[in-house]
Amino acid sequence: MVASGLSVLFCGINPGLTTAASGHHFARPGNRFWPVLHLSGFTPRQLRPDKQEELLTYGLGITNVVERPSARADELTREEYREGGRLLTGRVERLAPRWLAIAGVTAYRAAFDEPKAAIGPQERTIGTTRIWALPSPSGLNAHWSTEAMAEEFARLREAAGVERRTEA
């Protein structure tokens, strides 16, 4: 789900088993990516995972840090994160989105060897692409409510210069 020149390229940690089986990003019931994307104003309505291609019409895309599917992100190795960060850097250099938004600050820390990184905009860039670490929308992330997560996504939307989208 990528194209050149996107406003924001969202980046999940890795495909969960439901996502891998369906071929649609953030497909597991309970994952809050799609509701949060809508609540934050990135999309005019809540999209279903099987409508993910519609994101490209809004200048948005989705990729992953690590391509290997797993039941839980904590099954990934340090080496997989580092290699994922290297491959992601190459992808971002080719596609040149305005922002790379990594949905999982722990994944950002591991992939880019930034152990003290916090949620929000990062100092690191990849070429001209800015990076924003977002909370993971996984239903397992109990530290963030859907509403608080939507506020953080909205901060990114505003920084990226993306107008709030509402249904016509």
Protein backbone atom coordinates (compact mmCIF):
# COMPACT_ATOMS: atom_id res chain seq x y z
CA MET A 1 0.00 0.00 0.00
CA VAL A 2 2.65 2.51 -1.03
CA ALA A 3 3.23 5.14 -3.70
CA SER A 4 5.72 7.92 -4.28
CA GLY A 5 5.20 11.33 -2.71
CA LEU A 6 2.66 10.40 -0.02
CA SER A 7 1.81 12.88 2.73
CA VAL A 8 2.10 10.14 5.37
CA LEU A 9 3.37 6.59 5.11
CA PHE A 10 2.06 4.69 8.14
CA CYS A 11 4.24 1.84 9.26
CA GLY A 12 3.02 -1.04 11.38
CA ILE A 13 5.36 -3.22 13.39
CA ASN A 14 4.73 -6.44 11.42
CA PRO A 15 1.74 -8.31 10.04
CA GLY A 16 -0.30 -10.16 12.61
CA LEU A 17 -1.64 -13.56 11.68
CA THR A 18 -5.07 -12.18 10.72
CA THR A 19 -3.46 -9.53 8.54
CA ALA A 20 -1.21 -12.11 6.89
CA ALA A 21 -4.16 -14.41 6.18
CA SER A 22 -6.40 -11.64 4.82
CA GLY A 23 -3.76 -9.58 3.00
CA HIS A 24 -5.16 -6.42 4.62
CA HIS A 25 -3.23 -4.23 7.05
CA PHE A 26 -4.42 -3.89 10.66
CA ALA A 27 -7.10 -6.53 10.01
CA ARG A 28 -7.36 -8.10 13.46
CA PRO A 29 -10.63 -7.30 15.22
CA GLY A 30 -9.75 -5.07 18.15
CA ASN A 31 -6.96 -3.26 16.34
CA ARG A 32 -7.74 0.45 16.58
CA PHE A 33 -5.85 1.73 13.53
CA TRP A 34 -8.89 2.22 11.28
CA PRO A 35 -11.12 3.87 13.94
CA VAL A 36 -8.26 6.13 15.07
CA LEU A 37 -7.40 7.10 11.50
CA HIS A 38 -10.98 8.29 11.03
CA LEU A 39 -11.37 9.95 14.47
CA SER A 40 -8.16 11.91 13.86
CA GLY A 41 -9.50 13.30 10.57
CA PHE A 42 -7.25 11.44 8.13
CA THR A 43 -10.24 9.73 6.49
CA PRO A 44 -13.81 11.03 6.05
CA ARG A 45 -15.30 7.78 7.39
CA GLN A 46 -13.99 4.67 9.08
CA LEU A 47 -12.54 2.38 6.45
CA ARG A 48 -12.52 -1.40 6.71
CA PRO A 49 -9.22 -3.19 6.21
CA ASP A 50 -10.46 -4.57 2.88
CA LYS A 51 -10.83 -0.97 1.65
CA GLN A 52 -7.20 -0.10 2.44
CA GLU A 53 -6.44 0.86 -1.18
CA GLU A 54 -8.66 3.92 -0.68
CA LEU A 55 -5.91 5.38 1.52
CA LEU A 56 -3.82 6.13 -1.55
CA THR A 57 -6.51 8.56 -2.77
CA TYR A 58 -5.91 10.55 0.45
CA GLY A 59 -2.13 10.61 0.01
CA LEU A 60 -1.64 7.94 2.68
CA GLY A 61 0.01 4.53 2.58
CA ILE A 62 0.88 1.59 4.82
CA THR A 63 3.94 -0.60 5.19
CA ASN A 64 5.63 -2.55 8.00
CA VAL A 65 8.97 -2.48 9.80
CA VAL A 66 9.26 -6.29 9.68
CA GLU A 67 7.53 -8.35 7.01
CA ARG A 68 7.41 -11.67 8.91
CA PRO A 69 3.96 -12.36 10.35
CA SER A 70 3.64 -13.31 14.01
CA ALA A 71 0.93 -13.62 16.62
CA ARG A 72 2.60 -10.92 18.76
CA ALA A 73 5.25 -8.28 18.07
CA ASP A 74 7.31 -9.50 21.03
CA GLU A 75 8.08 -12.65 19.00
CA LEU A 76 10.34 -10.60 16.70
CA THR A 77 14.10 -10.61 17.25
CA ARG A 78 16.40 -7.64 17.64
CA GLU A 79 18.03 -8.63 14.33
CA GLU A 80 14.66 -8.62 12.54
CA TYR A 81 13.94 -5.10 13.81
CA ARG A 82 17.38 -3.83 12.73
CA GLU A 83 17.14 -5.42 9.29
CA GLY A 84 13.57 -4.10 9.02
CA GLY A 85 14.82 -0.59 9.82
CA ARG A 86 17.48 -0.88 7.13
CA LEU A 87 14.97 -2.07 4.51
CA LEU A 88 12.41 0.53 5.59
CA THR A 89 15.03 3.27 5.19
CA GLY A 90 15.60 2.19 1.58
CA ARG A 91 11.85 2.10 0.90
CA VAL A 92 11.41 5.59 2.35
CA GLU A 93 14.37 6.94 0.36
CA ARG A 94 12.73 5.65 -2.85
CA LEU A 95 9.18 6.78 -2.07
CA ALA A 96 10.00 10.09 -0.29
CA PRO A 97 6.80 10.55 1.75
CA ARG A 98 6.60 13.80 3.72
CA TRP A 99 6.21 11.83 6.97
CA LEU A 100 6.94 8.26 8.05
CA ALA A 101 4.61 7.43 10.96
CA ILE A 102 5.70 4.34 12.85
CA ALA A 103 2.75 2.91 14.78
CA GLY A 104 4.66 1.56 17.75
CA VAL A 105 7.35 3.57 19.52
CA THR A 106 9.00 0.36 20.73
CA ALA A 107 9.40 -0.78 17.13
CA TYR A 108 10.90 2.58 16.20
CA ARG A 109 13.37 2.35 19.08
CA ALA A 110 14.45 -1.17 18.07
CA ALA A 111 14.58 -0.63 14.29
CA PHE A 112 16.53 2.62 14.45
CA ASP A 113 18.56 2.09 17.64
CA GLU A 114 16.88 5.04 19.37
CA PRO A 115 16.33 3.63 22.89
CA LYS A 116 15.13 6.93 24.37
CA ALA A 117 12.66 7.85 21.61
CA ALA A 118 9.25 9.02 22.78
CA ILE A 119 5.87 9.37 21.08
CA GLY A 120 5.82 12.33 18.69
CA PRO A 121 8.07 13.86 16.04
CA GLN A 122 11.64 12.58 15.95
CA GLU A 123 14.90 14.39 15.27
CA ARG A 124 16.00 11.71 12.80
CA THR A 125 15.01 12.10 9.17
CA ILE A 126 15.38 9.81 6.18
CA GLY A 127 16.39 12.16 3.39
CA THR A 128 13.68 14.83 3.46
CA THR A 129 11.17 12.54 5.22
CA ARG A 130 10.33 13.44 8.81
CA ILE A 131 9.53 10.65 11.29
CA TRP A 132 6.74 10.51 13.88
CA ALA A 133 6.51 7.71 16.45
CA LEU A 134 2.89 6.86 17.22
CA PRO A 135 1.43 4.61 19.89
CA SER A 136 0.68 1.11 18.66
CA PRO A 137 -3.02 0.75 17.76
CA SER A 138 -2.95 -2.90 18.83
CA GLY A 139 -5.73 -3.88 21.17
CA LEU A 140 -2.95 -5.15 23.45
CA ASN A 141 -1.75 -1.57 24.02
CA ALA A 142 -3.82 -0.71 27.09
CA HIS A 143 -1.69 2.35 27.90
CA TRP A 144 -3.48 4.43 25.26
CA SER A 145 -7.22 4.95 24.94
CA THR A 146 -8.72 5.22 21.46
CA GLU A 147 -9.46 8.91 22.10
CA ALA A 148 -5.90 9.74 23.27
CA MET A 149 -4.49 7.83 20.31
CA ALA A 150 -6.75 9.78 17.92
CA GLU A 151 -5.45 13.04 19.43
CA GLU A 152 -1.85 11.96 18.74
CA PHE A 153 -2.71 10.93 15.17
CA ALA A 154 -4.42 14.34 14.73
CA ARG A 155 -1.20 16.07 15.86
CA LEU A 156 0.60 14.22 13.07
CA ARG A 157 -2.14 15.10 10.56
CA GLU A 158 -1.79 18.79 11.39
CA ALA A 159 2.03 18.67 11.23
CA ALA A 160 1.78 16.94 7.84
CA GLY A 161 -0.50 19.70 6.56
CA VAL A 162 -3.34 17.27 5.83
CA GLU A 163 -6.75 18.92 6.09
CA ARG A 164 -9.28 17.28 8.36
CA ARG A 165 -11.46 15.06 6.19
CA THR A 166 -15.15 14.81 6.93
CA GLU A 167 -17.97 13.21 4.98
CA ALA A 168 -19.54 15.47 2.40
